[in-house]
Amino acid sequence: MYVCLCNGLTDSQIRNAIADGARRPKEVYASCNCNAQCGCCTGTMLSIIREQPAGPSPLAAGD
């Protein structure tokens, strides 16, 4: 499904960017080699980011 019409980004592309380490919409755009245009997709993008399982805490690794 298309999430960002301005850049033609699909939910699969967004999920791939998240799997590669993107944790904010700005990072998703960068991973997809584009920039935010109108910003209407950021709410949906944040929802997709929040659905993904959280990685290990950097503090937990040092304890």
N, C-alpha and C. Protein backbone atom coordinates (compact mmCIF):
# COMPACT_ATOMS: atom_id res chain seq x y z
N MET A 1 0.85 -1.16 0.00
CA MET A 1 0.00 0.00 0.00
C MET A 1 0.90 1.23 0.00
N TYR A 2 0.49 2.26 -0.75
CA TYR A 2 1.24 3.51 -0.75
C TYR A 2 0.96 4.28 0.52
N VAL A 3 2.01 4.72 1.18
CA VAL A 3 1.90 5.53 2.39
C VAL A 3 2.22 6.98 2.05
N CYS A 4 3.28 7.20 1.27
CA CYS A 4 3.71 8.54 0.89
C CYS A 4 3.49 8.70 -0.61
N LEU A 5 2.45 9.43 -0.96
CA LEU A 5 2.16 9.64 -2.38
C LEU A 5 3.16 10.58 -3.04
N CYS A 6 3.64 11.57 -2.31
CA CYS A 6 4.59 12.53 -2.88
C CYS A 6 5.87 11.85 -3.37
N ASN A 7 6.34 10.87 -2.58
CA ASN A 7 7.58 10.17 -2.92
C ASN A 7 7.34 8.76 -3.45
N GLY A 8 6.09 8.33 -3.47
CA GLY A 8 5.77 6.99 -3.96
C GLY A 8 6.29 5.88 -3.05
N LEU A 9 6.30 6.13 -1.74
CA LEU A 9 6.80 5.12 -0.80
C LEU A 9 5.68 4.19 -0.34
N THR A 10 5.99 2.92 -0.36
CA THR A 10 5.02 1.92 0.09
C THR A 10 5.32 1.51 1.53
N ASP A 11 4.36 0.85 2.15
CA ASP A 11 4.58 0.36 3.51
C ASP A 11 5.73 -0.63 3.55
N SER A 12 5.93 -1.40 2.50
CA SER A 12 7.05 -2.36 2.45
C SER A 12 8.38 -1.63 2.46
N GLN A 13 8.50 -0.55 1.71
CA GLN A 13 9.73 0.23 1.69
C GLN A 13 10.00 0.84 3.06
N ILE A 14 8.95 1.31 3.71
CA ILE A 14 9.09 1.91 5.03
C ILE A 14 9.52 0.85 6.04
N ARG A 15 8.91 -0.33 5.98
CA ARG A 15 9.29 -1.41 6.89
C ARG A 15 10.73 -1.85 6.65
N ASN A 16 11.17 -1.87 5.41
CA ASN A 16 12.56 -2.22 5.10
C ASN A 16 13.52 -1.17 5.68
N ALA A 17 13.15 0.10 5.57
CA ALA A 17 13.98 1.17 6.14
C ALA A 17 14.07 1.03 7.66
N ILE A 18 12.96 0.67 8.29
CA ILE A 18 12.94 0.46 9.73
C ILE A 18 13.82 -0.73 10.10
N ALA A 19 13.73 -1.80 9.32
CA ALA A 19 14.56 -2.98 9.56
C ALA A 19 16.04 -2.65 9.43
N ASP A 20 16.36 -1.66 8.59
CA ASP A 20 17.74 -1.22 8.41
C ASP A 20 18.19 -0.21 9.45
N GLY A 21 17.29 0.14 10.41
CA GLY A 21 17.69 0.99 11.52
C GLY A 21 16.99 2.33 11.63
N ALA A 22 16.14 2.70 10.68
CA ALA A 22 15.43 3.98 10.76
C ALA A 22 14.47 3.96 11.94
N ARG A 23 14.48 5.02 12.74
CA ARG A 23 13.61 5.10 13.90
C ARG A 23 12.77 6.38 13.92
N ARG A 24 12.97 7.23 12.94
CA ARG A 24 12.20 8.47 12.82
C ARG A 24 11.85 8.66 11.35
N PRO A 25 10.75 9.38 11.06
CA PRO A 25 10.40 9.60 9.65
C PRO A 25 11.55 10.19 8.84
N LYS A 26 12.30 11.12 9.41
CA LYS A 26 13.43 11.71 8.69
C LYS A 26 14.43 10.63 8.27
N GLU A 27 14.65 9.66 9.12
CA GLU A 27 15.57 8.56 8.82
C GLU A 27 15.00 7.63 7.75
N VAL A 28 13.68 7.45 7.77
CA VAL A 28 13.03 6.64 6.73
C VAL A 28 13.20 7.31 5.37
N TYR A 29 12.93 8.62 5.31
CA TYR A 29 13.11 9.35 4.04
C TYR A 29 14.55 9.23 3.55
N ALA A 30 15.50 9.42 4.44
CA ALA A 30 16.92 9.35 4.07
C ALA A 30 17.27 7.96 3.54
N SER A 31 16.75 6.93 4.21
CA SER A 31 17.01 5.56 3.79
C SER A 31 16.43 5.28 2.39
N CYS A 32 15.35 5.97 2.07
CA CYS A 32 14.69 5.79 0.77
C CYS A 32 15.15 6.82 -0.26
N ASN A 33 16.20 7.57 0.08
CA ASN A 33 16.76 8.58 -0.82
C ASN A 33 15.75 9.62 -1.27
N CYS A 34 14.98 10.14 -0.32
CA CYS A 34 14.02 11.19 -0.64
C CYS A 34 13.85 12.10 0.58
N ASN A 35 13.02 13.11 0.46
CA ASN A 35 12.76 14.06 1.53
C ASN A 35 11.27 14.19 1.74
N ALA A 36 10.88 14.65 2.92
CA ALA A 36 9.47 14.92 3.20
C ALA A 36 9.00 16.02 2.25
N GLN A 37 7.79 15.89 1.76
CA GLN A 37 7.21 16.90 0.89
C GLN A 37 6.07 17.59 1.64
N CYS A 38 4.89 17.01 1.63
CA CYS A 38 3.75 17.65 2.29
C CYS A 38 3.62 17.25 3.76
N GLY A 39 4.19 16.09 4.14
CA GLY A 39 4.16 15.65 5.53
C GLY A 39 2.92 14.88 5.95
N CYS A 40 1.97 14.69 5.05
CA CYS A 40 0.73 13.99 5.42
C CYS A 40 0.96 12.53 5.80
N CYS A 41 2.04 11.95 5.35
CA CYS A 41 2.30 10.54 5.61
C CYS A 41 3.00 10.28 6.94
N THR A 42 3.48 11.32 7.60
CA THR A 42 4.30 11.10 8.79
C THR A 42 3.53 10.41 9.92
N GLY A 43 2.25 10.67 10.07
CA GLY A 43 1.45 10.00 11.09
C GLY A 43 1.39 8.51 10.86
N THR A 44 1.14 8.11 9.64
CA THR A 44 1.10 6.69 9.30
C THR A 44 2.48 6.06 9.45
N MET A 45 3.49 6.82 9.02
CA MET A 45 4.86 6.32 9.13
C MET A 45 5.23 6.10 10.60
N LEU A 46 4.86 7.03 11.48
CA LEU A 46 5.13 6.86 12.91
C LEU A 46 4.41 5.64 13.46
N SER A 47 3.19 5.39 13.00
CA SER A 47 2.45 4.21 13.45
C SER A 47 3.18 2.94 13.05
N ILE A 48 3.70 2.91 11.84
CA ILE A 48 4.44 1.73 11.37
C ILE A 48 5.72 1.57 12.19
N ILE A 49 6.41 2.67 12.47
CA ILE A 49 7.63 2.62 13.29
C ILE A 49 7.30 2.06 14.66
N ARG A 50 6.21 2.51 15.27
CA ARG A 50 5.84 2.07 16.62
C ARG A 50 5.40 0.61 16.66
N GLU A 51 4.93 0.07 15.53
CA GLU A 51 4.52 -1.33 15.47
C GLU A 51 5.70 -2.28 15.53
N GLN A 52 6.86 -1.82 15.11
CA GLN A 52 8.03 -2.69 15.03
C GLN A 52 8.56 -2.97 16.43
N PRO A 53 9.06 -4.18 16.65
CA PRO A 53 9.60 -4.51 17.97
C PRO A 53 10.82 -3.65 18.28
N ALA A 54 10.91 -3.23 19.53
CA ALA A 54 12.05 -2.42 19.96
C ALA A 54 13.29 -3.30 20.06
N GLY A 55 14.40 -2.72 19.69
CA GLY A 55 15.68 -3.41 19.81
C GLY A 55 16.17 -3.36 21.24
N PRO A 56 17.31 -3.98 21.52
CA PRO A 56 17.85 -3.96 22.88
C PRO A 56 18.27 -2.56 23.28
N SER A 57 18.07 -2.23 24.52
CA SER A 57 18.45 -0.92 25.04
C SER A 57 19.97 -0.79 25.06
N PRO A 58 20.52 0.35 24.61
CA PRO A 58 21.99 0.51 24.65
C PRO A 58 22.51 0.49 26.08
N LEU A 59 21.70 0.90 27.05
CA LEU A 59 22.14 0.87 28.45
C LEU A 59 22.21 -0.54 28.99
N ALA A 60 21.30 -1.38 28.55
CA ALA A 60 21.28 -2.77 29.04
C ALA A 60 22.54 -3.52 28.62
N ALA A 61 23.09 -3.18 27.46
CA ALA A 61 24.28 -3.87 26.97
C ALA A 61 25.50 -3.55 27.84
N GLY A 62 25.52 -2.34 28.43
CA GLY A 62 26.67 -1.94 29.22
C GLY A 62 26.58 -2.30 30.70
N ASP A 63 25.46 -2.86 31.12
CA ASP A 63 25.29 -3.21 32.54
C ASP A 63 25.95 -4.49 32.90
